[in-house]
Amino acid sequence: MGQQFTVLDFNAMPMNGQADIAIAGNFLGGQKEGDFIVQLHRVDNFYVGVFYDPVKNEIVRYEGFTNTNRPTPYIRLN
């Protein structure tokens, strides 16, 4: 049995590798945070925030995390 891919592994990767993993995850929602639009994805046992800068028209960073309180603002109840 191989080792499980972790959020630490994700955060240590170059951005192009992070992009591939984030896109393969489940999209949960998005919101505006300061100057960025942030999309939230669920990947295995952690979450990934995808930070998009609309002024630059580019993704500026990916942030992996495990804190289950952080996704709450992204999830809207109907």
PDB file of N, CA and C in Angstrom:
ATOM      1  N   MET A   1       0.853  -1.182   0.000  1.00  0.00           N
ATOM      2  CA  MET A   1       0.000   0.000   0.000  1.00  0.00           C
ATOM      3  C   MET A   1       0.891   1.235   0.000  1.00  0.00           C
ATOM      4  N   GLY A   2       0.660   2.192  -0.913  1.00  0.00           N
ATOM      5  CA  GLY A   2       1.455   3.398  -1.012  1.00  0.00           C
ATOM      6  C   GLY A   2       1.008   4.459  -0.013  1.00  0.00           C
ATOM      7  N   GLN A   3       1.866   5.458   0.163  1.00  0.00           N
ATOM      8  CA  GLN A   3       1.522   6.551   1.065  1.00  0.00           C
ATOM      9  C   GLN A   3       0.464   7.438   0.438  1.00  0.00           C
ATOM     10  N   GLN A   4      -0.366   8.030   1.296  1.00  0.00           N
ATOM     11  CA  GLN A   4      -1.418   8.915   0.819  1.00  0.00           C
ATOM     12  C   GLN A   4      -0.839  10.290   0.488  1.00  0.00           C
ATOM     13  N   PHE A   5      -1.325  10.881  -0.592  1.00  0.00           N
ATOM     14  CA  PHE A   5      -0.948  12.226  -0.990  1.00  0.00           C
ATOM     15  C   PHE A   5      -1.530  13.198   0.034  1.00  0.00           C
ATOM     16  N   THR A   6      -0.721  14.118   0.547  1.00  0.00           N
ATOM     17  CA  THR A   6      -1.169  15.015   1.608  1.00  0.00           C
ATOM     18  C   THR A   6      -1.196  16.474   1.151  1.00  0.00           C
ATOM     19  N   VAL A   7      -1.788  17.306   1.980  1.00  0.00           N
ATOM     20  CA  VAL A   7      -1.818  18.743   1.714  1.00  0.00           C
ATOM     21  C   VAL A   7      -0.395  19.312   1.704  1.00  0.00           C
ATOM     22  N   LEU A   8       0.497  18.751   2.506  1.00  0.00           N
ATOM     23  CA  LEU A   8       1.887  19.211   2.502  1.00  0.00           C
ATOM     24  C   LEU A   8       2.556  18.896   1.168  1.00  0.00           C
ATOM     25  N   ASP A   9       2.266  17.720   0.628  1.00  0.00           N
ATOM     26  CA  ASP A   9       2.780  17.369  -0.699  1.00  0.00           C
ATOM     27  C   ASP A   9       2.261  18.370  -1.737  1.00  0.00           C
ATOM     28  N   PHE A  10       0.964  18.654  -1.659  1.00  0.00           N
ATOM     29  CA  PHE A  10       0.352  19.580  -2.611  1.00  0.00           C
ATOM     30  C   PHE A  10       1.003  20.953  -2.531  1.00  0.00           C
ATOM     31  N   ASN A  11       1.138  21.481  -1.316  1.00  0.00           N
ATOM     32  CA  ASN A  11       1.685  22.832  -1.155  1.00  0.00           C
ATOM     33  C   ASN A  11       3.141  22.936  -1.567  1.00  0.00           C
ATOM     34  N   ALA A  12       3.858  21.820  -1.592  1.00  0.00           N
ATOM     35  CA  ALA A  12       5.267  21.818  -1.995  1.00  0.00           C
ATOM     36  C   ALA A  12       5.448  21.717  -3.512  1.00  0.00           C
ATOM     37  N   MET A  13       4.359  21.444  -4.236  1.00  0.00           N
ATOM     38  CA  MET A  13       4.439  21.256  -5.690  1.00  0.00           C
ATOM     39  C   MET A  13       4.547  22.591  -6.428  1.00  0.00           C
ATOM     40  N   PRO A  14       5.073  22.578  -7.656  1.00  0.00           N
ATOM     41  CA  PRO A  14       5.014  23.769  -8.505  1.00  0.00           C
ATOM     42  C   PRO A  14       3.565  24.039  -8.925  1.00  0.00           C
ATOM     43  N   MET A  15       3.277  25.274  -9.303  1.00  0.00           N
ATOM     44  CA  MET A  15       1.900  25.674  -9.622  1.00  0.00           C
ATOM     45  C   MET A  15       1.258  24.840 -10.723  1.00  0.00           C
ATOM     46  N   ASN A  16       2.009  24.433 -11.745  1.00  0.00           N
ATOM     47  CA  ASN A  16       1.380  23.659 -12.824  1.00  0.00           C
ATOM     48  C   ASN A  16       0.895  22.296 -12.322  1.00  0.00           C
ATOM     49  N   GLY A  17       1.617  21.681 -11.397  1.00  0.00           N
ATOM     50  CA  GLY A  17       1.171  20.429 -10.794  1.00  0.00           C
ATOM     51  C   GLY A  17      -0.030  20.650  -9.883  1.00  0.00           C
ATOM     52  N   GLN A  18      -0.013  21.757  -9.147  1.00  0.00           N
ATOM     53  CA  GLN A  18      -1.144  22.090  -8.287  1.00  0.00           C
ATOM     54  C   GLN A  18      -2.405  22.313  -9.120  1.00  0.00           C
ATOM     55  N   ALA A  19      -2.247  22.948 -10.271  1.00  0.00           N
ATOM     56  CA  ALA A  19      -3.400  23.212 -11.150  1.00  0.00           C
ATOM     57  C   ALA A  19      -4.051  21.913 -11.586  1.00  0.00           C
ATOM     58  N   ASP A  20      -3.249  20.951 -12.003  1.00  0.00           N
ATOM     59  CA  ASP A  20      -3.785  19.663 -12.456  1.00  0.00           C
ATOM     60  C   ASP A  20      -4.582  18.976 -11.350  1.00  0.00           C
ATOM     61  N   ILE A  21      -4.061  19.018 -10.144  1.00  0.00           N
ATOM     62  CA  ILE A  21      -4.727  18.351  -9.022  1.00  0.00           C
ATOM     63  C   ILE A  21      -5.998  19.099  -8.620  1.00  0.00           C
ATOM     64  N   ALA A  22      -5.929  20.421  -8.555  1.00  0.00           N
ATOM     65  CA  ALA A  22      -7.103  21.212  -8.162  1.00  0.00           C
ATOM     66  C   ALA A  22      -8.253  21.013  -9.142  1.00  0.00           C
ATOM     67  N   ILE A  23      -7.963  21.040 -10.425  1.00  0.00           N
ATOM     68  CA  ILE A  23      -9.000  20.891 -11.449  1.00  0.00           C
ATOM     69  C   ILE A  23      -9.634  19.501 -11.384  1.00  0.00           C
ATOM     70  N   ALA A  24      -8.858  18.487 -10.998  1.00  0.00           N
ATOM     71  CA  ALA A  24      -9.378  17.133 -10.885  1.00  0.00           C
ATOM     72  C   ALA A  24     -10.260  16.948  -9.647  1.00  0.00           C
ATOM     73  N   GLY A  25     -10.172  17.890  -8.694  1.00  0.00           N
ATOM     74  CA  GLY A  25     -10.978  17.799  -7.480  1.00  0.00           C
ATOM     75  C   GLY A  25     -12.424  18.209  -7.735  1.00  0.00           C
ATOM     76  N   ASN A  26     -13.232  18.107  -6.697  1.00  0.00           N
ATOM     77  CA  ASN A  26     -14.646  18.492  -6.782  1.00  0.00           C
ATOM     78  C   ASN A  26     -14.807  19.972  -6.481  1.00  0.00           C
ATOM     79  N   PHE A  27     -15.393  20.718  -7.400  1.00  0.00           N
ATOM     80  CA  PHE A  27     -15.661  22.139  -7.198  1.00  0.00           C
ATOM     81  C   PHE A  27     -16.775  22.290  -6.171  1.00  0.00           C
ATOM     82  N   LEU A  28     -16.536  23.115  -5.134  1.00  0.00           N
ATOM     83  CA  LEU A  28     -17.527  23.315  -4.083  1.00  0.00           C
ATOM     84  C   LEU A  28     -18.193  24.680  -4.116  1.00  0.00           C
ATOM     85  N   GLY A  29     -17.480  25.691  -4.609  1.00  0.00           N
ATOM     86  CA  GLY A  29     -18.065  27.031  -4.642  1.00  0.00           C
ATOM     87  C   GLY A  29     -16.991  28.072  -4.838  1.00  0.00           C
ATOM     88  N   GLY A  30     -17.410  29.322  -4.845  1.00  0.00           N
ATOM     89  CA  GLY A  30     -16.476  30.416  -5.026  1.00  0.00           C
ATOM     90  C   GLY A  30     -16.984  31.667  -4.353  1.00  0.00           C
ATOM     91  N   GLN A  31     -16.066  32.589  -4.106  1.00  0.00           N
ATOM     92  CA  GLN A  31     -16.441  33.864  -3.507  1.00  0.00           C
ATOM     93  C   GLN A  31     -15.324  34.876  -3.738  1.00  0.00           C
ATOM     94  N   LYS A  32     -15.653  36.135  -3.540  1.00  0.00           N
ATOM     95  CA  LYS A  32     -14.664  37.196  -3.651  1.00  0.00           C
ATOM     96  C   LYS A  32     -13.993  37.366  -2.294  1.00  0.00           C
ATOM     97  N   GLU A  33     -12.673  37.407  -2.297  1.00  0.00           N
ATOM     98  CA  GLU A  33     -11.886  37.645  -1.089  1.00  0.00           C
ATOM     99  C   GLU A  33     -10.887  38.748  -1.389  1.00  0.00           C
ATOM    100  N   GLY A  34     -11.173  39.939  -0.911  1.00  0.00           N
ATOM    101  CA  GLY A  34     -10.301  41.075  -1.199  1.00  0.00           C
ATOM    102  C   GLY A  34     -10.274  41.338  -2.688  1.00  0.00           C
ATOM    103  N   ASP A  35      -9.088  41.346  -3.271  1.00  0.00           N
ATOM    104  CA  ASP A  35      -8.925  41.603  -4.701  1.00  0.00           C
ATOM    105  C   ASP A  35      -9.047  40.341  -5.555  1.00  0.00           C
ATOM    106  N   PHE A  36      -9.244  39.195  -4.922  1.00  0.00           N
ATOM    107  CA  PHE A  36      -9.250  37.918  -5.634  1.00  0.00           C
ATOM    108  C   PHE A  36     -10.633  37.291  -5.685  1.00  0.00           C
ATOM    109  N   ILE A  37     -10.828  36.459  -6.689  1.00  0.00           N
ATOM    110  CA  ILE A  37     -11.963  35.545  -6.729  1.00  0.00           C
ATOM    111  C   ILE A  37     -11.374  34.186  -6.392  1.00  0.00           C
ATOM    112  N   VAL A  38     -11.920  33.542  -5.367  1.00  0.00           N
ATOM    113  CA  VAL A  38     -11.357  32.287  -4.883  1.00  0.00           C
ATOM    114  C   VAL A  38     -12.371  31.175  -5.103  1.00  0.00           C
ATOM    115  N   GLN A  39     -11.936  30.137  -5.793  1.00  0.00           N
ATOM    116  CA  GLN A  39     -12.750  28.944  -5.978  1.00  0.00           C
ATOM    117  C   GLN A  39     -12.243  27.873  -5.025  1.00  0.00           C
ATOM    118  N   LEU A  40     -13.175  27.125  -4.463  1.00  0.00           N
ATOM    119  CA  LEU A  40     -12.820  26.064  -3.522  1.00  0.00           C
ATOM    120  C   LEU A  40     -13.051  24.706  -4.167  1.00  0.00           C
ATOM    121  N   HIS A  41     -12.051  23.846  -4.067  1.00  0.00           N
ATOM    122  CA  HIS A  41     -12.121  22.480  -4.582  1.00  0.00           C
ATOM    123  C   HIS A  41     -11.788  21.512  -3.450  1.00  0.00           C
ATOM    124  N   ARG A  42     -12.436  20.368  -3.453  1.00  0.00           N
ATOM    125  CA  ARG A  42     -12.134  19.292  -2.500  1.00  0.00           C
ATOM    126  C   ARG A  42     -11.292  18.255  -3.227  1.00  0.00           C
ATOM    127  N   VAL A  43     -10.110  17.956  -2.659  1.00  0.00           N
ATOM    128  CA  VAL A  43      -9.193  16.980  -3.253  1.00  0.00           C
ATOM    129  C   VAL A  43      -8.843  15.963  -2.168  1.00  0.00           C
ATOM    130  N   ASP A  44      -9.292  14.740  -2.345  1.00  0.00           N
ATOM    131  CA  ASP A  44      -9.007  13.663  -1.383  1.00  0.00           C
ATOM    132  C   ASP A  44      -9.305  14.124   0.044  1.00  0.00           C
ATOM    133  N   ASN A  45      -8.263  14.275   0.861  1.00  0.00           N
ATOM    134  CA  ASN A  45      -8.452  14.591   2.272  1.00  0.00           C
ATOM    135  C   ASN A  45      -8.157  16.053   2.619  1.00  0.00           C
ATOM    136  N   PHE A  46      -8.215  16.956   1.624  1.00  0.00           N
ATOM    137  CA  PHE A  46      -7.981  18.379   1.894  1.00  0.00           C
ATOM    138  C   PHE A  46      -8.715  19.237   0.877  1.00  0.00           C
ATOM    139  N   TYR A  47      -8.668  20.539   1.110  1.00  0.00           N
ATOM    140  CA  TYR A  47      -9.298  21.527   0.239  1.00  0.00           C
ATOM    141  C   TYR A  47      -8.221  22.327  -0.475  1.00  0.00           C
ATOM    142  N   VAL A  48      -8.584  22.889  -1.631  1.00  0.00           N
ATOM    143  CA  VAL A  48      -7.674  23.763  -2.371  1.00  0.00           C
ATOM    144  C   VAL A  48      -8.411  25.048  -2.718  1.00  0.00           C
ATOM    145  N   GLY A  49      -7.825  26.170  -2.329  1.00  0.00           N
ATOM    146  CA  GLY A  49      -8.309  27.476  -2.756  1.00  0.00           C
ATOM    147  C   GLY A  49      -7.542  27.881  -3.998  1.00  0.00           C
ATOM    148  N   VAL A  50      -8.274  28.239  -5.048  1.00  0.00           N
ATOM    149  CA  VAL A  50      -7.668  28.693  -6.308  1.00  0.00           C
ATOM    150  C   VAL A  50      -7.883  30.196  -6.375  1.00  0.00           C
ATOM    151  N   PHE A  51      -6.810  30.972  -6.295  1.00  0.00           N
ATOM    152  CA  PHE A  51      -6.881  32.427  -6.215  1.00  0.00           C
ATOM    153  C   PHE A  51      -6.686  33.038  -7.601  1.00  0.00           C
ATOM    154  N   TYR A  52      -7.746  33.664  -8.096  1.00  0.00           N
ATOM    155  CA  TYR A  52      -7.742  34.283  -9.426  1.00  0.00           C
ATOM    156  C   TYR A  52      -7.722  35.792  -9.263  1.00  0.00           C
ATOM    157  N   ASP A  53      -6.823  36.453  -9.966  1.00  0.00           N
ATOM    158  CA  ASP A  53      -6.720  37.917  -9.970  1.00  0.00           C
ATOM    159  C   ASP A  53      -7.360  38.434 -11.252  1.00  0.00           C
ATOM    160  N   PRO A  54      -8.556  39.051 -11.150  1.00  0.00           N
ATOM    161  CA  PRO A  54      -9.235  39.515 -12.361  1.00  0.00           C
ATOM    162  C   PRO A  54      -8.509  40.670 -13.061  1.00  0.00           C
ATOM    163  N   VAL A  55      -7.720  41.451 -12.344  1.00  0.00           N
ATOM    164  CA  VAL A  55      -6.972  42.551 -12.965  1.00  0.00           C
ATOM    165  C   VAL A  55      -5.873  41.991 -13.870  1.00  0.00           C
ATOM    166  N   LYS A  56      -5.154  40.989 -13.371  1.00  0.00           N
ATOM    167  CA  LYS A  56      -4.094  40.350 -14.155  1.00  0.00           C
ATOM    168  C   LYS A  56      -4.642  39.278 -15.097  1.00  0.00           C
ATOM    169  N   ASN A  57      -5.911  38.878 -14.872  1.00  0.00           N
ATOM    170  CA  ASN A  57      -6.555  37.806 -15.636  1.00  0.00           C
ATOM    171  C   ASN A  57      -5.743  36.518 -15.569  1.00  0.00           C
ATOM    172  N   GLU A  58      -5.344  36.161 -14.326  1.00  0.00           N
ATOM    173  CA  GLU A  58      -4.581  34.935 -14.149  1.00  0.00           C
ATOM    174  C   GLU A  58      -4.746  34.382 -12.741  1.00  0.00           C
ATOM    175  N   ILE A  59      -4.522  33.092 -12.615  1.00  0.00           N
ATOM    176  CA  ILE A  59      -4.481  32.461 -11.305  1.00  0.00           C
ATOM    177  C   ILE A  59      -3.119  32.780 -10.704  1.00  0.00           C
ATOM    178  N   VAL A  60      -3.130  33.322  -9.496  1.00  0.00           N
ATOM    179  CA  VAL A  60      -1.878  33.749  -8.881  1.00  0.00           C
ATOM    180  C   VAL A  60      -1.357  32.778  -7.831  1.00  0.00           C
ATOM    181  N   ARG A  61      -2.244  31.917  -7.298  1.00  0.00           N
ATOM    182  CA  ARG A  61      -1.748  30.910  -6.354  1.00  0.00           C
ATOM    183  C   ARG A  61      -2.806  29.852  -6.070  1.00  0.00           C
ATOM    184  N   TYR A  62      -2.318  28.730  -5.576  1.00  0.00           N
ATOM    185  CA  TYR A  62      -3.146  27.627  -5.092  1.00  0.00           C
ATOM    186  C   TYR A  62      -2.777  27.436  -3.628  1.00  0.00           C
ATOM    187  N   GLU A  63      -3.767  27.249  -2.791  1.00  0.00           N
ATOM    188  CA  GLU A  63      -3.505  27.094  -1.366  1.00  0.00           C
ATOM    189  C   GLU A  63      -4.240  25.869  -0.836  1.00  0.00           C
ATOM    190  N   GLY A  64      -3.493  24.858  -0.438  1.00  0.00           N
ATOM    191  CA  GLY A  64      -4.084  23.662   0.145  1.00  0.00           C
ATOM    192  C   GLY A  64      -4.235  23.829   1.644  1.00  0.00           C
ATOM    193  N   PHE A  65      -5.337  23.309   2.195  1.00  0.00           N
ATOM    194  CA  PHE A  65      -5.552  23.392   3.638  1.00  0.00           C
ATOM    195  C   PHE A  65      -6.496  22.283   4.089  1.00  0.00           C
ATOM    196  N   THR A  66      -6.487  22.022   5.389  1.00  0.00           N
ATOM    197  CA  THR A  66      -7.336  20.969   5.951  1.00  0.00           C
ATOM    198  C   THR A  66      -8.356  21.497   6.954  1.00  0.00           C
ATOM    199  N   ASN A  67      -8.251  22.749   7.344  1.00  0.00           N
ATOM    200  CA  ASN A  67      -9.161  23.329   8.333  1.00  0.00           C
ATOM    201  C   ASN A  67     -10.588  23.302   7.803  1.00  0.00           C
ATOM    202  N   THR A  68     -11.465  22.563   8.452  1.00  0.00           N
ATOM    203  CA  THR A  68     -12.835  22.402   7.956  1.00  0.00           C
ATOM    204  C   THR A  68     -13.711  23.625   8.202  1.00  0.00           C
ATOM    205  N   ASN A  69     -13.248  24.612   8.950  1.00  0.00           N
ATOM    206  CA  ASN A  69     -14.017  25.846   9.135  1.00  0.00           C
ATOM    207  C   ASN A  69     -13.871  26.790   7.945  1.00  0.00           C
ATOM    208  N   ARG A  70     -12.768  26.729   7.254  1.00  0.00           N
ATOM    209  CA  ARG A  70     -12.527  27.653   6.132  1.00  0.00           C
ATOM    210  C   ARG A  70     -13.501  27.501   4.976  1.00  0.00           C
ATOM    211  N   PRO A  71     -13.949  26.293   4.618  1.00  0.00           N
ATOM    212  CA  PRO A  71     -14.873  26.175   3.474  1.00  0.00           C
ATOM    213  C   PRO A  71     -16.280  26.708   3.736  1.00  0.00           C
ATOM    214  N   THR A  72     -16.665  26.923   4.980  1.00  0.00           N
ATOM    215  CA  THR A  72     -18.043  27.296   5.311  1.00  0.00           C
ATOM    216  C   THR A  72     -18.562  28.484   4.507  1.00  0.00           C
ATOM    217  N   PRO A  73     -17.823  29.588   4.357  1.00  0.00           N
ATOM    218  CA  PRO A  73     -18.378  30.719   3.581  1.00  0.00           C
ATOM    219  C   PRO A  73     -18.624  30.408   2.104  1.00  0.00           C
ATOM    220  N   TYR A  74     -17.965  29.394   1.568  1.00  0.00           N
ATOM    221  CA  TYR A  74     -18.122  29.050   0.161  1.00  0.00           C
ATOM    222  C   TYR A  74     -19.393  28.281  -0.112  1.00  0.00           C
ATOM    223  N   ILE A  75     -19.892  27.619   0.904  1.00  0.00           N
ATOM    224  CA  ILE A  75     -21.039  26.727   0.724  1.00  0.00           C
ATOM    225  C   ILE A  75     -22.310  27.483   1.076  1.00  0.00           C
ATOM    226  N   ARG A  76     -23.138  27.703   0.079  1.00  0.00           N
ATOM    227  CA  ARG A  76     -24.399  28.439   0.245  1.00  0.00           C
ATOM    228  C   ARG A  76     -25.541  27.442   0.412  1.00  0.00           C
ATOM    229  N   LEU A  77     -26.356  27.695   1.407  1.00  0.00           N
ATOM    230  CA  LEU A  77     -27.533  26.843   1.608  1.00  0.00           C
ATOM    231  C   LEU A  77     -28.678  27.361   0.769  1.00  0.00           C
ATOM    232  N   ASN A  78     -29.404  26.459   0.119  1.00  0.00           N
ATOM    233  CA  ASN A  78     -30.550  26.864  -0.710  1.00  0.00           C
ATOM    234  C   ASN A  78     -31.787  27.015   0.133  1.00  0.00           C
TER     235      ASN A  78
END
